[in-house]
Each structure stands twice: as C-alpha cells, then as structure tokens.
Amino acid sequence: MNNSPPPLPRKDDSLGDNAGVRMLLPVGRSGYAITAGYLALFSVLIVPAPLALLFGILGVHDIRKSRSQAHKKHGMGRAIFGIVMGAIGSVILVLFLMSALFG
C-alpha cells in the first residue's frame, strides 16, 4: 500500500484552476456568469428574465475573452443557463405585455 500524501498543488496554480474548490466557492468564474445564473433562477418570476438574458450574453463574452489570458474564467454553464431561462422568460413577458396592450 502506498501511504504517501497526495501531491501538493503547484505554486503557479490559482484557486480558480482547481475544480474541487470551484465546486464549493465561486472562484475563477466570470462575475457576469454568476449574476446570470442567479437571475435565471428568478426568471420564473418573469420580470428578471431580460436581465438574465443580458448578463448571460455578457458572461459568455467575458469567458471567451478570457481564453487568451493567463487565468481563464469559468462559468459557461451558468451563462448559458441565464441565456436560456432569460430568453424563455423574456418571450413570456413580451407576450404578456402584448396581450395586456392589445387584448
């Protein structure tokens, strides 16, 4: 049996590069993606849906822009979730407003 301790992380690794830490803490993620994720959760209330869509798009742009930098940002799943839920909620909001105005 090998009872040696696990290897220590390299000093040039940041907390955002460690998947285990990212699962527990919001490190190494785009702030836009985090915001989009929370707004997407509340987009079922319909009013925050356009903001979820906006922040989702900003999050994807921020993450893609960081791909060329040394510390890549994560959170693409949250950003996509914001775009999908924001789009669905925004369509419902527009339909509701149109029915209220013209119905």
PDB file of N, CA and C in Angstrom:
ATOM      1  N   MET A   1       0.838  -1.188   0.000  1.00  0.00           N
ATOM      2  CA  MET A   1       0.000   0.000   0.000  1.00  0.00           C
ATOM      3  C   MET A   1       0.875   1.241   0.000  1.00  0.00           C
ATOM      4  N   ASN A   2       0.421   2.215  -0.713  1.00  0.00           N
ATOM      5  CA  ASN A   2       1.144   3.468  -0.807  1.00  0.00           C
ATOM      6  C   ASN A   2       0.493   4.467   0.135  1.00  0.00           C
ATOM      7  N   ASN A   3       1.177   4.815   1.206  1.00  0.00           N
ATOM      8  CA  ASN A   3       0.639   5.756   2.192  1.00  0.00           C
ATOM      9  C   ASN A   3       1.233   7.140   2.038  1.00  0.00           C
ATOM     10  N   SER A   4       1.728   7.459   0.866  1.00  0.00           N
ATOM     11  CA  SER A   4       2.309   8.783   0.664  1.00  0.00           C
ATOM     12  C   SER A   4       1.186   9.810   0.563  1.00  0.00           C
ATOM     13  N   PRO A   5       1.459  11.040   1.009  1.00  0.00           N
ATOM     14  CA  PRO A   5       0.423  12.086   0.951  1.00  0.00           C
ATOM     15  C   PRO A   5       0.168  12.481  -0.490  1.00  0.00           C
ATOM     16  N   PRO A   6      -1.012  13.062  -0.742  1.00  0.00           N
ATOM     17  CA  PRO A   6      -1.315  13.498  -2.107  1.00  0.00           C
ATOM     18  C   PRO A   6      -0.348  14.599  -2.527  1.00  0.00           C
ATOM     19  N   PRO A   7      -0.107  14.748  -3.808  1.00  0.00           N
ATOM     20  CA  PRO A   7       0.825  15.783  -4.261  1.00  0.00           C
ATOM     21  C   PRO A   7       0.284  17.172  -3.984  1.00  0.00           C
ATOM     22  N   LEU A   8       1.175  18.064  -3.639  1.00  0.00           N
ATOM     23  CA  LEU A   8       0.798  19.451  -3.379  1.00  0.00           C
ATOM     24  C   LEU A   8       0.584  20.164  -4.705  1.00  0.00           C
ATOM     25  N   PRO A   9      -0.352  21.125  -4.734  1.00  0.00           N
ATOM     26  CA  PRO A   9      -0.563  21.858  -5.988  1.00  0.00           C
ATOM     27  C   PRO A   9       0.653  22.724  -6.303  1.00  0.00           C
ATOM     28  N   ARG A  10       0.851  22.953  -7.591  1.00  0.00           N
ATOM     29  CA  ARG A  10       1.950  23.822  -7.986  1.00  0.00           C
ATOM     30  C   ARG A  10       1.666  25.234  -7.523  1.00  0.00           C
ATOM     31  N   LYS A  11       2.709  26.001  -7.279  1.00  0.00           N
ATOM     32  CA  LYS A  11       2.540  27.359  -6.769  1.00  0.00           C
ATOM     33  C   LYS A  11       1.921  28.291  -7.807  1.00  0.00           C
ATOM     34  N   ASP A  12       2.086  27.986  -9.095  1.00  0.00           N
ATOM     35  CA  ASP A  12       1.520  28.861 -10.106  1.00  0.00           C
ATOM     36  C   ASP A  12       0.044  28.575 -10.374  1.00  0.00           C
ATOM     37  N   ASP A  13      -0.533  27.544  -9.739  1.00  0.00           N
ATOM     38  CA  ASP A  13      -1.963  27.260  -9.878  1.00  0.00           C
ATOM     39  C   ASP A  13      -2.752  28.235  -9.009  1.00  0.00           C
ATOM     40  N   SER A  14      -3.845  28.740  -9.541  1.00  0.00           N
ATOM     41  CA  SER A  14      -4.712  29.594  -8.743  1.00  0.00           C
ATOM     42  C   SER A  14      -5.885  28.751  -8.234  1.00  0.00           C
ATOM     43  N   LEU A  15      -6.617  29.296  -7.284  1.00  0.00           N
ATOM     44  CA  LEU A  15      -7.778  28.579  -6.754  1.00  0.00           C
ATOM     45  C   LEU A  15      -8.808  28.327  -7.845  1.00  0.00           C
ATOM     46  N   GLY A  16      -8.901  29.230  -8.813  1.00  0.00           N
ATOM     47  CA  GLY A  16      -9.873  29.080  -9.892  1.00  0.00           C
ATOM     48  C   GLY A  16      -9.576  27.930 -10.830  1.00  0.00           C
ATOM     49  N   ASP A  17      -8.333  27.409 -10.798  1.00  0.00           N
ATOM     50  CA  ASP A  17      -7.984  26.285 -11.657  1.00  0.00           C
ATOM     51  C   ASP A  17      -8.293  24.943 -11.014  1.00  0.00           C
ATOM     52  N   ASN A  18      -8.626  24.923  -9.741  1.00  0.00           N
ATOM     53  CA  ASN A  18      -8.906  23.694  -9.019  1.00  0.00           C
ATOM     54  C   ASN A  18     -10.411  23.416  -9.073  1.00  0.00           C
ATOM     55  N   ALA A  19     -10.797  22.321  -9.715  1.00  0.00           N
ATOM     56  CA  ALA A  19     -12.221  22.008  -9.891  1.00  0.00           C
ATOM     57  C   ALA A  19     -12.931  21.784  -8.555  1.00  0.00           C
ATOM     58  N   GLY A  20     -12.245  21.186  -7.589  1.00  0.00           N
ATOM     59  CA  GLY A  20     -12.853  20.951  -6.285  1.00  0.00           C
ATOM     60  C   GLY A  20     -13.169  22.239  -5.555  1.00  0.00           C
ATOM     61  N   VAL A  21     -12.276  23.200  -5.637  1.00  0.00           N
ATOM     62  CA  VAL A  21     -12.502  24.491  -4.993  1.00  0.00           C
ATOM     63  C   VAL A  21     -13.611  25.253  -5.711  1.00  0.00           C
ATOM     64  N   ARG A  22     -13.618  25.179  -7.067  1.00  0.00           N
ATOM     65  CA  ARG A  22     -14.659  25.869  -7.834  1.00  0.00           C
ATOM     66  C   ARG A  22     -16.040  25.317  -7.533  1.00  0.00           C
ATOM     67  N   MET A  23     -16.112  24.043  -7.138  1.00  0.00           N
ATOM     68  CA  MET A  23     -17.408  23.457  -6.820  1.00  0.00           C
ATOM     69  C   MET A  23     -17.961  24.037  -5.514  1.00  0.00           C
ATOM     70  N   LEU A  24     -17.080  24.433  -4.611  1.00  0.00           N
ATOM     71  CA  LEU A  24     -17.503  24.945  -3.310  1.00  0.00           C
ATOM     72  C   LEU A  24     -17.568  26.462  -3.249  1.00  0.00           C
ATOM     73  N   LEU A  25     -16.668  27.133  -3.957  1.00  0.00           N
ATOM     74  CA  LEU A  25     -16.575  28.584  -3.897  1.00  0.00           C
ATOM     75  C   LEU A  25     -16.667  29.182  -5.297  1.00  0.00           C
ATOM     76  N   PRO A  26     -17.200  30.384  -5.422  1.00  0.00           N
ATOM     77  CA  PRO A  26     -17.285  30.996  -6.754  1.00  0.00           C
ATOM     78  C   PRO A  26     -15.974  31.673  -7.159  1.00  0.00           C
ATOM     79  N   VAL A  27     -14.905  30.922  -7.252  1.00  0.00           N
ATOM     80  CA  VAL A  27     -13.612  31.482  -7.656  1.00  0.00           C
ATOM     81  C   VAL A  27     -13.323  31.080  -9.090  1.00  0.00           C
ATOM     82  N   GLY A  28     -12.650  31.942  -9.815  1.00  0.00           N
ATOM     83  CA  GLY A  28     -12.280  31.645 -11.182  1.00  0.00           C
ATOM     84  C   GLY A  28     -13.434  31.725 -12.155  1.00  0.00           C
ATOM     85  N   ARG A  29     -14.556  32.272 -11.723  1.00  0.00           N
ATOM     86  CA  ARG A  29     -15.728  32.389 -12.592  1.00  0.00           C
ATOM     87  C   ARG A  29     -15.946  33.839 -12.979  1.00  0.00           C
ATOM     88  N   SER A  30     -16.578  34.024 -14.097  1.00  0.00           N
ATOM     89  CA  SER A  30     -16.960  35.360 -14.520  1.00  0.00           C
ATOM     90  C   SER A  30     -18.070  35.879 -13.610  1.00  0.00           C
ATOM     91  N   GLY A  31     -17.934  37.097 -13.162  1.00  0.00           N
ATOM     92  CA  GLY A  31     -18.977  37.704 -12.334  1.00  0.00           C
ATOM     93  C   GLY A  31     -20.293  37.827 -13.072  1.00  0.00           C
ATOM     94  N   TYR A  32     -20.192  38.066 -14.378  1.00  0.00           N
ATOM     95  CA  TYR A  32     -21.409  38.130 -15.197  1.00  0.00           C
ATOM     96  C   TYR A  32     -22.121  36.785 -15.216  1.00  0.00           C
ATOM     97  N   ALA A  33     -21.340  35.703 -15.297  1.00  0.00           N
ATOM     98  CA  ALA A  33     -21.939  34.368 -15.333  1.00  0.00           C
ATOM     99  C   ALA A  33     -22.613  34.033 -14.004  1.00  0.00           C
ATOM    100  N   ILE A  34     -21.988  34.415 -12.899  1.00  0.00           N
ATOM    101  CA  ILE A  34     -22.597  34.176 -11.586  1.00  0.00           C
ATOM    102  C   ILE A  34     -23.912  34.946 -11.480  1.00  0.00           C
ATOM    103  N   THR A  35     -23.888  36.214 -11.883  1.00  0.00           N
ATOM    104  CA  THR A  35     -25.103  37.037 -11.846  1.00  0.00           C
ATOM    105  C   THR A  35     -26.186  36.460 -12.754  1.00  0.00           C
ATOM    106  N   ALA A  36     -25.793  36.018 -13.947  1.00  0.00           N
ATOM    107  CA  ALA A  36     -26.757  35.432 -14.885  1.00  0.00           C
ATOM    108  C   ALA A  36     -27.398  34.182 -14.303  1.00  0.00           C
ATOM    109  N   GLY A  37     -26.613  33.368 -13.607  1.00  0.00           N
ATOM    110  CA  GLY A  37     -27.155  32.150 -13.001  1.00  0.00           C
ATOM    111  C   GLY A  37     -28.220  32.445 -11.962  1.00  0.00           C
ATOM    112  N   TYR A  38     -27.932  33.421 -11.091  1.00  0.00           N
ATOM    113  CA  TYR A  38     -28.925  33.754 -10.066  1.00  0.00           C
ATOM    114  C   TYR A  38     -30.152  34.427 -10.674  1.00  0.00           C
ATOM    115  N   LEU A  39     -29.947  35.306 -11.650  1.00  0.00           N
ATOM    116  CA  LEU A  39     -31.100  35.930 -12.299  1.00  0.00           C
ATOM    117  C   LEU A  39     -31.932  34.898 -13.055  1.00  0.00           C
ATOM    118  N   ALA A  40     -31.276  33.883 -13.605  1.00  0.00           N
ATOM    119  CA  ALA A  40     -32.018  32.825 -14.300  1.00  0.00           C
ATOM    120  C   ALA A  40     -32.904  32.057 -13.342  1.00  0.00           C
ATOM    121  N   LEU A  41     -32.415  31.841 -12.123  1.00  0.00           N
ATOM    122  CA  LEU A  41     -33.253  31.161 -11.127  1.00  0.00           C
ATOM    123  C   LEU A  41     -34.510  31.968 -10.824  1.00  0.00           C
ATOM    124  N   PHE A  42     -34.375  33.288 -10.806  1.00  0.00           N
ATOM    125  CA  PHE A  42     -35.522  34.146 -10.508  1.00  0.00           C
ATOM    126  C   PHE A  42     -36.304  34.537 -11.761  1.00  0.00           C
ATOM    127  N   SER A  43     -35.870  34.089 -12.929  1.00  0.00           N
ATOM    128  CA  SER A  43     -36.560  34.467 -14.160  1.00  0.00           C
ATOM    129  C   SER A  43     -37.941  33.831 -14.263  1.00  0.00           C
ATOM    130  N   VAL A  44     -38.235  32.836 -13.431  1.00  0.00           N
ATOM    131  CA  VAL A  44     -39.587  32.278 -13.417  1.00  0.00           C
ATOM    132  C   VAL A  44     -40.596  33.319 -12.928  1.00  0.00           C
ATOM    133  N   LEU A  45     -40.097  34.373 -12.288  1.00  0.00           N
ATOM    134  CA  LEU A  45     -40.960  35.481 -11.892  1.00  0.00           C
ATOM    135  C   LEU A  45     -41.180  36.452 -13.044  1.00  0.00           C
ATOM    136  N   ILE A  46     -40.611  36.154 -14.206  1.00  0.00           N
ATOM    137  CA  ILE A  46     -40.750  36.835 -15.488  1.00  0.00           C
ATOM    138  C   ILE A  46     -40.045  38.197 -15.522  1.00  0.00           C
ATOM    139  N   VAL A  47     -40.130  39.017 -14.512  1.00  0.00           N
ATOM    140  CA  VAL A  47     -39.553  40.364 -14.552  1.00  0.00           C
ATOM    141  C   VAL A  47     -38.021  40.338 -14.670  1.00  0.00           C
ATOM    142  N   PRO A  48     -37.273  39.482 -13.936  1.00  0.00           N
ATOM    143  CA  PRO A  48     -35.810  39.486 -14.082  1.00  0.00           C
ATOM    144  C   PRO A  48     -35.296  38.778 -15.336  1.00  0.00           C
ATOM    145  N   ALA A  49     -36.176  38.227 -16.142  1.00  0.00           N
ATOM    146  CA  ALA A  49     -35.754  37.439 -17.308  1.00  0.00           C
ATOM    147  C   ALA A  49     -34.905  38.233 -18.302  1.00  0.00           C
ATOM    148  N   PRO A  50     -35.279  39.462 -18.674  1.00  0.00           N
ATOM    149  CA  PRO A  50     -34.410  40.194 -19.608  1.00  0.00           C
ATOM    150  C   PRO A  50     -33.012  40.458 -19.036  1.00  0.00           C
ATOM    151  N   LEU A  51     -32.923  40.662 -17.733  1.00  0.00           N
ATOM    152  CA  LEU A  51     -31.612  40.862 -17.112  1.00  0.00           C
ATOM    153  C   LEU A  51     -30.796  39.577 -17.137  1.00  0.00           C
ATOM    154  N   ALA A  52     -31.449  38.431 -16.936  1.00  0.00           N
ATOM    155  CA  ALA A  52     -30.749  37.146 -17.021  1.00  0.00           C
ATOM    156  C   ALA A  52     -30.201  36.934 -18.421  1.00  0.00           C
ATOM    157  N   LEU A  53     -30.987  37.289 -19.427  1.00  0.00           N
ATOM    158  CA  LEU A  53     -30.540  37.183 -20.816  1.00  0.00           C
ATOM    159  C   LEU A  53     -29.342  38.090 -21.071  1.00  0.00           C
ATOM    160  N   LEU A  54     -29.426  39.333 -20.623  1.00  0.00           N
ATOM    161  CA  LEU A  54     -28.333  40.291 -20.809  1.00  0.00           C
ATOM    162  C   LEU A  54     -27.054  39.825 -20.128  1.00  0.00           C
ATOM    163  N   PHE A  55     -27.146  39.442 -18.858  1.00  0.00           N
ATOM    164  CA  PHE A  55     -25.952  39.030 -18.123  1.00  0.00           C
ATOM    165  C   PHE A  55     -25.412  37.695 -18.634  1.00  0.00           C
ATOM    166  N   GLY A  56     -26.272  36.847 -19.163  1.00  0.00           N
ATOM    167  CA  GLY A  56     -25.805  35.607 -19.771  1.00  0.00           C
ATOM    168  C   GLY A  56     -24.948  35.882 -21.003  1.00  0.00           C
ATOM    169  N   ILE A  57     -25.407  36.802 -21.825  1.00  0.00           N
ATOM    170  CA  ILE A  57     -24.644  37.177 -23.019  1.00  0.00           C
ATOM    171  C   ILE A  57     -23.321  37.830 -22.620  1.00  0.00           C
ATOM    172  N   LEU A  58     -23.371  38.734 -21.636  1.00  0.00           N
ATOM    173  CA  LEU A  58     -22.140  39.362 -21.160  1.00  0.00           C
ATOM    174  C   LEU A  58     -21.182  38.329 -20.561  1.00  0.00           C
ATOM    175  N   GLY A  59     -21.734  37.336 -19.875  1.00  0.00           N
ATOM    176  CA  GLY A  59     -20.912  36.283 -19.282  1.00  0.00           C
ATOM    177  C   GLY A  59     -20.199  35.449 -20.332  1.00  0.00           C
ATOM    178  N   VAL A  60     -20.909  35.067 -21.395  1.00  0.00           N
ATOM    179  CA  VAL A  60     -20.280  34.294 -22.482  1.00  0.00           C
ATOM    180  C   VAL A  60     -19.169  35.117 -23.117  1.00  0.00           C
ATOM    181  N   HIS A  61     -19.435  36.386 -23.350  1.00  0.00           N
ATOM    182  CA  HIS A  61     -18.418  37.261 -23.944  1.00  0.00           C
ATOM    183  C   HIS A  61     -17.196  37.381 -23.029  1.00  0.00           C
ATOM    184  N   ASP A  62     -17.430  37.552 -21.731  1.00  0.00           N
ATOM    185  CA  ASP A  62     -16.335  37.683 -20.771  1.00  0.00           C
ATOM    186  C   ASP A  62     -15.499  36.403 -20.700  1.00  0.00           C
ATOM    187  N   ILE A  63     -16.154  35.254 -20.703  1.00  0.00           N
ATOM    188  CA  ILE A  63     -15.442  33.971 -20.626  1.00  0.00           C
ATOM    189  C   ILE A  63     -14.634  33.735 -21.900  1.00  0.00           C
ATOM    190  N   ARG A  64     -15.216  34.012 -23.039  1.00  0.00           N
ATOM    191  CA  ARG A  64     -14.483  33.820 -24.302  1.00  0.00           C
ATOM    192  C   ARG A  64     -13.302  34.772 -24.409  1.00  0.00           C
ATOM    193  N   LYS A  65     -13.471  35.998 -23.915  1.00  0.00           N
ATOM    194  CA  LYS A  65     -12.383  36.969 -23.946  1.00  0.00           C
ATOM    195  C   LYS A  65     -11.228  36.530 -23.044  1.00  0.00           C
ATOM    196  N   SER A  66     -11.537  35.844 -21.950  1.00  0.00           N
ATOM    197  CA  SER A  66     -10.502  35.426 -21.005  1.00  0.00           C
ATOM    198  C   SER A  66      -9.722  34.215 -21.495  1.00  0.00           C
ATOM    199  N   ARG A  67     -10.164  33.548 -22.554  1.00  0.00           N
ATOM    200  CA  ARG A  67      -9.469  32.356 -23.062  1.00  0.00           C
ATOM    201  C   ARG A  67      -8.057  32.679 -23.531  1.00  0.00           C
ATOM    202  N   SER A  68      -7.826  33.927 -23.931  1.00  0.00           N
ATOM    203  CA  SER A  68      -6.497  34.307 -24.399  1.00  0.00           C
ATOM    204  C   SER A  68      -5.610  34.812 -23.261  1.00  0.00           C
ATOM    205  N   GLN A  69      -6.145  34.922 -22.063  1.00  0.00           N
ATOM    206  CA  GLN A  69      -5.375  35.407 -20.927  1.00  0.00           C
ATOM    207  C   GLN A  69      -4.799  34.239 -20.142  1.00  0.00           C
ATOM    208  N   ALA A  70      -3.914  34.558 -19.201  1.00  0.00           N
ATOM    209  CA  ALA A  70      -3.254  33.513 -18.418  1.00  0.00           C
ATOM    210  C   ALA A  70      -4.249  32.775 -17.523  1.00  0.00           C
ATOM    211  N   HIS A  71      -5.141  33.494 -16.866  1.00  0.00           N
ATOM    212  CA  HIS A  71      -6.120  32.874 -15.971  1.00  0.00           C
ATOM    213  C   HIS A  71      -7.472  32.865 -16.665  1.00  0.00           C
ATOM    214  N   LYS A  72      -7.852  31.702 -17.130  1.00  0.00           N
ATOM    215  CA  LYS A  72      -9.109  31.554 -17.849  1.00  0.00           C
ATOM    216  C   LYS A  72     -10.267  31.547 -16.860  1.00  0.00           C
ATOM    217  N   LYS A  73     -11.336  32.209 -17.233  1.00  0.00           N
ATOM    218  CA  LYS A  73     -12.524  32.241 -16.387  1.00  0.00           C
ATOM    219  C   LYS A  73     -13.425  31.070 -16.739  1.00  0.00           C
ATOM    220  N   HIS A  74     -14.175  30.645 -15.764  1.00  0.00           N
ATOM    221  CA  HIS A  74     -15.108  29.539 -15.924  1.00  0.00           C
ATOM    222  C   HIS A  74     -16.524  30.069 -15.721  1.00  0.00           C
ATOM    223  N   GLY A  75     -17.511  29.199 -15.837  1.00  0.00           N
ATOM    224  CA  GLY A  75     -18.899  29.576 -15.594  1.00  0.00           C
ATOM    225  C   GLY A  75     -19.758  29.591 -16.838  1.00  0.00           C
ATOM    226  N   MET A  76     -19.312  28.921 -17.894  1.00  0.00           N
ATOM    227  CA  MET A  76     -20.077  28.917 -19.148  1.00  0.00           C
ATOM    228  C   MET A  76     -21.464  28.296 -18.947  1.00  0.00           C
ATOM    229  N   GLY A  77     -21.570  27.286 -18.099  1.00  0.00           N
ATOM    230  CA  GLY A  77     -22.870  26.665 -17.839  1.00  0.00           C
ATOM    231  C   GLY A  77     -23.857  27.634 -17.225  1.00  0.00           C
ATOM    232  N   ARG A  78     -23.384  28.426 -16.283  1.00  0.00           N
ATOM    233  CA  ARG A  78     -24.255  29.430 -15.661  1.00  0.00           C
ATOM    234  C   ARG A  78     -24.683  30.479 -16.683  1.00  0.00           C
ATOM    235  N   ALA A  79     -23.745  30.899 -17.530  1.00  0.00           N
ATOM    236  CA  ALA A  79     -24.067  31.914 -18.535  1.00  0.00           C
ATOM    237  C   ALA A  79     -25.100  31.382 -19.534  1.00  0.00           C
ATOM    238  N   ILE A  80     -24.924  30.149 -19.977  1.00  0.00           N
ATOM    239  CA  ILE A  80     -25.885  29.546 -20.917  1.00  0.00           C
ATOM    240  C   ILE A  80     -27.249  29.375 -20.245  1.00  0.00           C
ATOM    241  N   PHE A  81     -27.240  28.963 -18.982  1.00  0.00           N
ATOM    242  CA  PHE A  81     -28.494  28.847 -18.232  1.00  0.00           C
ATOM    243  C   PHE A  81     -29.198  30.201 -18.165  1.00  0.00           C
ATOM    244  N   GLY A  82     -28.435  31.266 -17.956  1.00  0.00           N
ATOM    245  CA  GLY A  82     -29.016  32.605 -17.939  1.00  0.00           C
ATOM    246  C   GLY A  82     -29.611  32.990 -19.278  1.00  0.00           C
ATOM    247  N   ILE A  83     -28.923  32.617 -20.368  1.00  0.00           N
ATOM    248  CA  ILE A  83     -29.433  32.940 -21.705  1.00  0.00           C
ATOM    249  C   ILE A  83     -30.717  32.178 -21.994  1.00  0.00           C
ATOM    250  N   VAL A  84     -30.734  30.895 -21.691  1.00  0.00           N
ATOM    251  CA  VAL A  84     -31.915  30.072 -21.995  1.00  0.00           C
ATOM    252  C   VAL A  84     -33.119  30.513 -21.168  1.00  0.00           C
ATOM    253  N   MET A  85     -32.941  30.595 -19.859  1.00  0.00           N
ATOM    254  CA  MET A  85     -34.064  30.974 -18.999  1.00  0.00           C
ATOM    255  C   MET A  85     -34.476  32.423 -19.238  1.00  0.00           C
ATOM    256  N   GLY A  86     -33.492  33.286 -19.510  1.00  0.00           N
ATOM    257  CA  GLY A  86     -33.805  34.681 -19.802  1.00  0.00           C
ATOM    258  C   GLY A  86     -34.582  34.829 -21.092  1.00  0.00           C
ATOM    259  N   ALA A  87     -34.229  34.045 -22.104  1.00  0.00           N
ATOM    260  CA  ALA A  87     -34.952  34.109 -23.377  1.00  0.00           C
ATOM    261  C   ALA A  87     -36.385  33.608 -23.221  1.00  0.00           C
ATOM    262  N   ILE A  88     -36.540  32.497 -22.520  1.00  0.00           N
ATOM    263  CA  ILE A  88     -37.893  31.955 -22.308  1.00  0.00           C
ATOM    264  C   ILE A  88     -38.746  32.952 -21.527  1.00  0.00           C
ATOM    265  N   GLY A  89     -38.207  33.474 -20.451  1.00  0.00           N
ATOM    266  CA  GLY A  89     -38.952  34.440 -19.643  1.00  0.00           C
ATOM    267  C   GLY A  89     -39.229  35.730 -20.379  1.00  0.00           C
ATOM    268  N   SER A  90     -38.282  36.173 -21.221  1.00  0.00           N
ATOM    269  CA  SER A  90     -38.486  37.408 -21.983  1.00  0.00           C
ATOM    270  C   SER A  90     -39.593  37.239 -23.015  1.00  0.00           C
ATOM    271  N   VAL A  91     -39.652  36.081 -23.661  1.00  0.00           N
ATOM    272  CA  VAL A  91     -40.725  35.821 -24.630  1.00  0.00           C
ATOM    273  C   VAL A  91     -42.072  35.836 -23.918  1.00  0.00           C
ATOM    274  N   ILE A  92     -42.139  35.213 -22.752  1.00  0.00           N
ATOM    275  CA  ILE A  92     -43.392  35.205 -21.985  1.00  0.00           C
ATOM    276  C   ILE A  92     -43.772  36.625 -21.571  1.00  0.00           C
ATOM    277  N   LEU A  93     -42.765  37.415 -21.157  1.00  0.00           N
ATOM    278  CA  LEU A  93     -43.018  38.797 -20.761  1.00  0.00           C
ATOM    279  C   LEU A  93     -43.547  39.618 -21.934  1.00  0.00           C
ATOM    280  N   VAL A  94     -42.952  39.471 -23.106  1.00  0.00           N
ATOM    281  CA  VAL A  94     -43.406  40.208 -24.289  1.00  0.00           C
ATOM    282  C   VAL A  94     -44.822  39.787 -24.666  1.00  0.00           C
ATOM    283  N   LEU A  95     -45.102  38.486 -24.640  1.00  0.00           N
ATOM    284  CA  LEU A  95     -46.454  38.017 -24.945  1.00  0.00           C
ATOM    285  C   LEU A  95     -47.470  38.563 -23.949  1.00  0.00           C
ATOM    286  N   PHE A  96     -47.095  38.576 -22.673  1.00  0.00           N
ATOM    287  CA  PHE A  96     -47.985  39.118 -21.639  1.00  0.00           C
ATOM    288  C   PHE A  96     -48.249  40.604 -21.870  1.00  0.00           C
ATOM    289  N   LEU A  97     -47.194  41.359 -22.162  1.00  0.00           N
ATOM    290  CA  LEU A  97     -47.362  42.795 -22.379  1.00  0.00           C
ATOM    291  C   LEU A  97     -48.190  43.070 -23.635  1.00  0.00           C
ATOM    292  N   MET A  98     -47.974  42.281 -24.672  1.00  0.00           N
ATOM    293  CA  MET A  98     -48.763  42.472 -25.898  1.00  0.00           C
ATOM    294  C   MET A  98     -50.235  42.142 -25.664  1.00  0.00           C
ATOM    295  N   SER A  99     -50.503  41.098 -24.900  1.00  0.00           N
ATOM    296  CA  SER A  99     -51.905  40.770 -24.626  1.00  0.00           C
ATOM    297  C   SER A  99     -52.553  41.823 -23.726  1.00  0.00           C
ATOM    298  N   ALA A 100     -51.763  42.431 -22.842  1.00  0.00           N
ATOM    299  CA  ALA A 100     -52.313  43.468 -21.975  1.00  0.00           C
ATOM    300  C   ALA A 100     -52.587  44.751 -22.761  1.00  0.00           C
ATOM    301  N   LEU A 101     -51.738  45.036 -23.728  1.00  0.00           N
ATOM    302  CA  LEU A 101     -51.925  46.265 -24.522  1.00  0.00           C
ATOM    303  C   LEU A 101     -52.965  46.120 -25.615  1.00  0.00           C
ATOM    304  N   PHE A 102     -52.981  44.985 -26.298  1.00  0.00           N
ATOM    305  CA  PHE A 102     -53.842  44.809 -27.457  1.00  0.00           C
ATOM    306  C   PHE A 102     -55.005  43.839 -27.224  1.00  0.00           C
ATOM    307  N   GLY A 103     -55.061  43.233 -26.069  1.00  0.00           N
ATOM    308  CA  GLY A 103     -56.074  42.214 -25.836  1.00  0.00           C
ATOM    309  C   GLY A 103     -57.259  42.761 -25.206  1.00  0.00           C
TER     310      GLY A 103
END
